[in-house]
């Protein structure tokens, strides 16, 4: 019951922030579920729930989605997901916690402190590279958002289009990550308690509902920074737990 409560709170916060700022489910839920369920099981669960959450948000924002951009990025995520799945399968829990936590902290650092140094990018090459790297980080740590955000900033995406276009990318990325781990034997959902799913779905529905009410009242940049702060704290704890286990 305590784990189910933790899943509910994590998914509620993540889905609420994602509705307000465009991302947050993987950022907030990923590190917290790694601590609750372990780095493999936790990220598998967040991949599934993030996929469902993004599908719901894709439907509500479908008129603002740039389908060409989202299709190009999402179509190559599998090329990053498969290597990440083999990496997960080949290492133990402790180093995986360290690697996943460190990867998330690096990605957050680039998004937070390095965005003003990102040069202007255009063309298909950088877009596809963002998709491959996003697939890798999403499979490893449940986060594609920071990678796609850096690319979107460099490509000068318009903000409302950016937040909408992220959603189908997250939806496809979550499905690819789960499939890659199941096919390669890197992870399984069979050991997750059944309570995780109703707790996660309920947290998601309430989070989206409250996030919809807050979307016009809370500035997107403040919600985005809150997501980054929670994610950084969770990633740091996960990384230090892994170091301690080593």
Protein backbone atom coordinates (compact mmCIF):
# COMPACT_ATOMS: atom_id res chain seq x y z
CA UNK A 1 0.00 0.00 0.00
CA UNK A 2 2.86 2.38 0.74
CA UNK A 3 4.39 1.68 -2.67
CA UNK A 4 1.02 2.21 -4.35
CA UNK A 5 0.64 5.52 -2.49
CA UNK A 6 4.11 6.55 -3.63
CA UNK A 7 3.21 5.67 -7.24
CA UNK A 8 -0.02 7.65 -6.97
CA UNK A 9 1.75 10.77 -5.67
CA UNK A 10 4.59 10.51 -8.22
CA UNK A 11 2.25 10.08 -11.19
CA UNK A 12 -0.16 12.74 -9.93
CA UNK A 13 2.62 15.33 -9.68
CA UNK A 14 4.21 14.31 -12.96
CA UNK A 15 1.00 14.32 -15.01
CA UNK A 16 -0.13 17.61 -13.47
CA UNK A 17 3.17 19.30 -14.33
CA UNK A 18 3.18 17.76 -17.81
CA UNK A 19 -0.27 19.20 -18.49
CA UNK A 20 0.91 22.65 -17.39
CA UNK A 21 4.41 22.79 -18.88
CA UNK A 22 4.57 20.09 -21.57
CA UNK A 23 6.75 17.59 -19.70
CA UNK A 24 7.03 16.25 -16.19
CA UNK A 25 5.76 12.65 -16.09
CA UNK A 26 9.14 11.06 -16.79
CA UNK A 27 11.10 13.82 -15.09
CA UNK A 28 9.21 13.58 -11.80
CA UNK A 29 7.97 9.99 -11.90
CA UNK A 30 11.13 8.35 -13.26
CA UNK A 31 13.53 9.13 -10.40
CA UNK A 32 10.87 8.54 -7.73
CA UNK A 33 9.77 5.19 -9.15
CA UNK A 34 13.41 4.14 -9.50
CA UNK A 35 13.69 4.58 -5.74
CA UNK A 36 10.36 2.83 -5.01
CA UNK A 37 10.51 -0.07 -7.46
CA UNK A 38 14.14 -0.29 -8.58
CA UNK A 39 15.81 1.09 -11.69
CA UNK A 40 14.49 -1.53 -14.12
CA UNK A 41 10.95 -2.08 -12.79
CA UNK A 42 10.46 1.60 -11.95
CA UNK A 43 11.40 2.82 -15.42
CA UNK A 44 9.31 0.11 -17.07
CA UNK A 45 6.26 1.29 -15.11
CA UNK A 46 6.92 4.95 -15.90
CA UNK A 47 7.36 4.12 -19.59
CA UNK A 48 3.91 2.48 -19.68
CA UNK A 49 2.16 5.22 -17.72
CA UNK A 50 3.95 8.01 -19.60
CA UNK A 51 2.82 6.44 -22.88
CA UNK A 52 -0.82 6.44 -21.73
CA UNK A 53 -0.54 9.97 -20.35
CA UNK A 54 1.02 11.30 -23.55
CA UNK A 55 -1.68 9.61 -25.65
CA UNK A 56 -4.36 11.45 -23.69
CA UNK A 57 -2.55 14.78 -24.00
CA UNK A 58 -1.86 14.17 -27.70
CA UNK A 59 -5.58 13.92 -28.32
CA UNK A 60 -6.35 17.17 -26.48
CA UNK A 61 -3.49 19.07 -28.22
CA UNK A 62 -3.73 17.42 -31.64
CA UNK A 63 -4.47 20.65 -33.52
CA UNK A 64 -1.19 22.24 -32.34
CA UNK A 65 1.04 19.21 -33.00
CA UNK A 66 3.59 19.47 -35.82
CA UNK A 67 3.13 15.91 -37.05
CA UNK A 68 6.05 16.04 -39.47
CA UNK A 69 8.51 16.93 -36.71
CA UNK A 70 7.07 14.50 -34.18
CA UNK A 71 7.01 11.70 -36.78
CA UNK A 72 10.64 12.25 -37.79
CA UNK A 73 11.89 12.23 -34.19
CA UNK A 74 9.72 9.36 -32.96
CA UNK A 75 10.52 7.15 -35.96
CA UNK A 76 14.22 6.81 -35.03
CA UNK A 77 13.89 6.45 -31.25
CA UNK A 78 14.10 2.67 -31.61
CA UNK A 79 17.75 3.01 -32.68
CA UNK A 80 18.56 4.44 -29.26
CA UNK A 81 16.20 2.23 -27.29
CA UNK A 82 17.70 -1.09 -28.37
CA UNK A 83 21.30 -0.32 -27.24
CA UNK A 84 19.92 1.05 -23.95
CA UNK A 85 17.94 -2.17 -23.41
CA UNK A 86 21.04 -4.30 -23.93
CA UNK A 87 22.97 -2.05 -21.51
CA UNK A 88 20.24 -2.52 -18.87
CA UNK A 89 20.33 -6.29 -19.36
CA UNK A 90 24.10 -6.49 -18.95
CA UNK A 91 24.66 -4.59 -15.68
CA UNK A 92 23.57 -4.94 -12.06
CA UNK A 93 21.14 -2.75 -10.14
CA UNK A 94 23.68 -0.58 -8.31
CA UNK A 95 25.65 0.63 -11.36
CA UNK A 96 22.38 1.04 -13.24
CA UNK A 97 21.12 3.41 -10.54
CA UNK A 98 24.35 5.39 -10.82
CA UNK A 99 24.24 5.54 -14.62
CA UNK A 100 20.53 6.42 -14.83
CA UNK A 101 20.80 9.06 -12.09
CA UNK A 102 23.91 10.60 -13.61
CA UNK A 103 22.38 10.63 -17.10
CA UNK A 104 19.34 12.46 -15.80
CA UNK A 105 21.42 15.01 -13.88
CA UNK A 106 23.56 15.70 -16.96
CA UNK A 107 20.48 16.12 -19.15
CA UNK A 108 18.89 18.47 -16.61
CA UNK A 109 22.11 20.45 -16.34
CA UNK A 110 22.24 20.95 -20.10
CA UNK A 111 18.60 22.05 -20.23
CA UNK A 112 18.95 24.40 -17.25
CA UNK A 113 22.39 25.93 -17.67
CA UNK A 114 23.49 25.17 -21.21
CA UNK A 115 20.54 26.32 -23.30
CA UNK A 116 22.01 29.76 -23.99
CA UNK A 117 25.13 28.12 -25.42
CA UNK A 118 23.23 25.81 -27.79
CA UNK A 119 23.85 26.94 -31.40
CA UNK A 120 21.06 27.33 -33.91
CA UNK A 121 20.37 23.98 -35.61
CA UNK A 122 18.37 23.15 -38.69
CA UNK A 123 17.97 20.25 -41.06
CA UNK A 124 17.10 16.59 -40.72
CA UNK A 125 20.40 15.39 -39.18
CA UNK A 126 20.12 17.14 -35.79
CA UNK A 127 16.42 16.21 -35.59
CA UNK A 128 17.12 12.52 -36.13
CA UNK A 129 20.06 12.62 -33.71
CA UNK A 130 17.74 14.05 -31.04
CA UNK A 131 15.33 11.17 -31.67
CA UNK A 132 18.02 8.49 -31.31
CA UNK A 133 19.47 10.03 -28.14
CA UNK A 134 15.98 10.60 -26.74
CA UNK A 135 15.18 6.93 -27.30
CA UNK A 136 18.32 5.93 -25.42
CA UNK A 137 17.66 8.15 -22.39
CA UNK A 138 13.96 7.27 -22.33
CA UNK A 139 14.71 3.55 -22.21
CA UNK A 140 17.50 3.94 -19.69
CA UNK A 141 15.99 6.51 -17.31
CA UNK A 142 12.43 7.25 -18.47
CA UNK A 143 13.30 10.69 -19.85
CA UNK A 144 13.22 11.87 -23.45
CA UNK A 145 12.09 15.39 -22.57
CA UNK A 146 15.44 17.06 -21.81
CA UNK A 147 17.06 15.81 -25.03
CA UNK A 148 14.13 16.90 -27.22
CA UNK A 149 13.96 20.21 -25.34
CA UNK A 150 17.60 21.02 -26.11
CA UNK A 151 17.00 20.29 -29.79
CA UNK A 152 13.74 22.29 -29.80
CA UNK A 153 15.55 25.28 -28.29
CA UNK A 154 18.32 25.02 -30.87
CA UNK A 155 15.79 24.68 -33.71
CA UNK A 156 13.79 27.65 -32.34
CA UNK A 157 10.49 25.82 -32.05
CA UNK A 158 7.53 28.04 -31.19
CA UNK A 159 6.48 27.32 -27.59
CA UNK A 160 2.86 26.23 -27.99
CA UNK A 161 3.82 23.96 -30.89
CA UNK A 162 6.72 22.56 -28.85
CA UNK A 163 4.62 21.52 -25.84
CA UNK A 164 2.01 19.87 -28.08
CA UNK A 165 4.54 18.15 -30.36
CA UNK A 166 6.33 16.59 -27.39
CA UNK A 167 3.28 14.49 -26.52
CA UNK A 168 3.18 12.08 -29.52
CA UNK A 169 6.97 11.76 -29.22
CA UNK A 170 6.57 10.69 -25.57
CA UNK A 171 3.74 8.34 -26.52
CA UNK A 172 5.75 6.52 -29.21
CA UNK A 173 8.95 6.65 -27.13
CA UNK A 174 7.26 4.98 -24.17
CA UNK A 175 5.86 2.18 -26.32
CA UNK A 176 9.22 1.60 -28.01
CA UNK A 177 11.10 1.55 -24.70
CA UNK A 178 8.78 -1.03 -23.14
CA UNK A 179 8.83 -3.20 -26.27
CA UNK A 180 12.63 -3.06 -26.56
CA UNK A 181 13.08 -4.16 -22.95
CA UNK A 182 10.53 -6.96 -23.23
CA UNK A 183 11.99 -8.28 -26.49
CA UNK A 184 15.61 -8.18 -25.30
CA UNK A 185 14.78 -9.59 -21.87
CA UNK A 186 16.07 -6.43 -20.16
CA UNK A 187 12.91 -5.99 -18.11
CA UNK A 188 9.50 -7.40 -17.28
CA UNK A 189 6.22 -6.12 -15.89
CA UNK A 190 5.27 -9.43 -14.30
CA UNK A 191 6.78 -8.58 -10.92
CA UNK A 192 4.98 -5.25 -10.50
CA UNK A 193 2.23 -5.31 -7.87
CA UNK A 194 -1.25 -5.03 -9.37
CA UNK A 195 -1.86 -2.04 -7.08
CA UNK A 196 0.68 -0.02 -9.07
CA UNK A 197 -1.63 0.24 -12.09
CA UNK A 198 -4.85 1.54 -10.51
CA UNK A 199 -2.77 3.90 -8.34
CA UNK A 200 -0.92 5.20 -11.40
CA UNK A 201 -4.04 5.57 -13.57
CA UNK A 202 -5.95 7.35 -10.79
CA UNK A 203 -3.01 9.68 -10.14
CA UNK A 204 -2.77 10.39 -13.86
CA UNK A 205 -6.46 11.23 -14.29
CA UNK A 206 -6.49 13.52 -11.25
CA UNK A 207 -3.18 15.09 -12.28
CA UNK A 208 -4.42 15.91 -15.79
CA UNK A 209 -7.71 17.27 -14.42
CA UNK A 210 -6.02 19.56 -11.89
CA UNK A 211 -3.26 20.48 -14.35
CA UNK A 212 -5.93 21.58 -16.83
CA UNK A 213 -7.36 23.92 -14.22
CA UNK A 214 -3.93 25.27 -13.30
CA UNK A 215 -2.65 25.63 -16.88
CA UNK A 216 -3.96 29.17 -17.26
CA UNK A 217 -2.93 30.28 -13.78
CA UNK A 218 0.62 28.97 -13.30
CA UNK A 219 3.29 30.23 -15.72
CA UNK A 220 4.71 27.39 -17.81
CA UNK A 221 8.30 28.36 -17.00
CA UNK A 222 7.67 28.09 -13.23
CA UNK A 223 6.00 24.68 -13.60
CA UNK A 224 8.88 23.59 -15.84
CA UNK A 225 11.49 24.66 -13.28
CA UNK A 226 9.59 22.84 -10.52
CA UNK A 227 9.66 19.67 -12.65
CA UNK A 228 13.41 20.04 -13.14
CA UNK A 229 14.02 20.62 -9.42
CA UNK A 230 12.02 17.53 -8.35
CA UNK A 231 13.71 15.46 -11.05
CA UNK A 232 17.19 16.61 -10.00
CA UNK A 233 16.51 15.74 -6.35
CA UNK A 234 15.21 12.29 -7.24
CA UNK A 235 18.07 11.59 -9.65
CA UNK A 236 20.66 12.64 -7.07
CA UNK A 237 19.15 10.36 -4.43
CA UNK A 238 19.04 7.44 -6.89
CA UNK A 239 22.64 8.01 -7.93
CA UNK A 240 23.92 8.19 -4.35
CA UNK A 241 21.92 5.10 -3.41
CA UNK A 242 23.64 3.28 -6.25
CA UNK A 243 27.03 4.51 -5.11
CA UNK A 244 26.26 3.29 -1.59
CA UNK A 245 25.25 -0.15 -2.88
CA UNK A 246 28.48 -0.36 -4.87
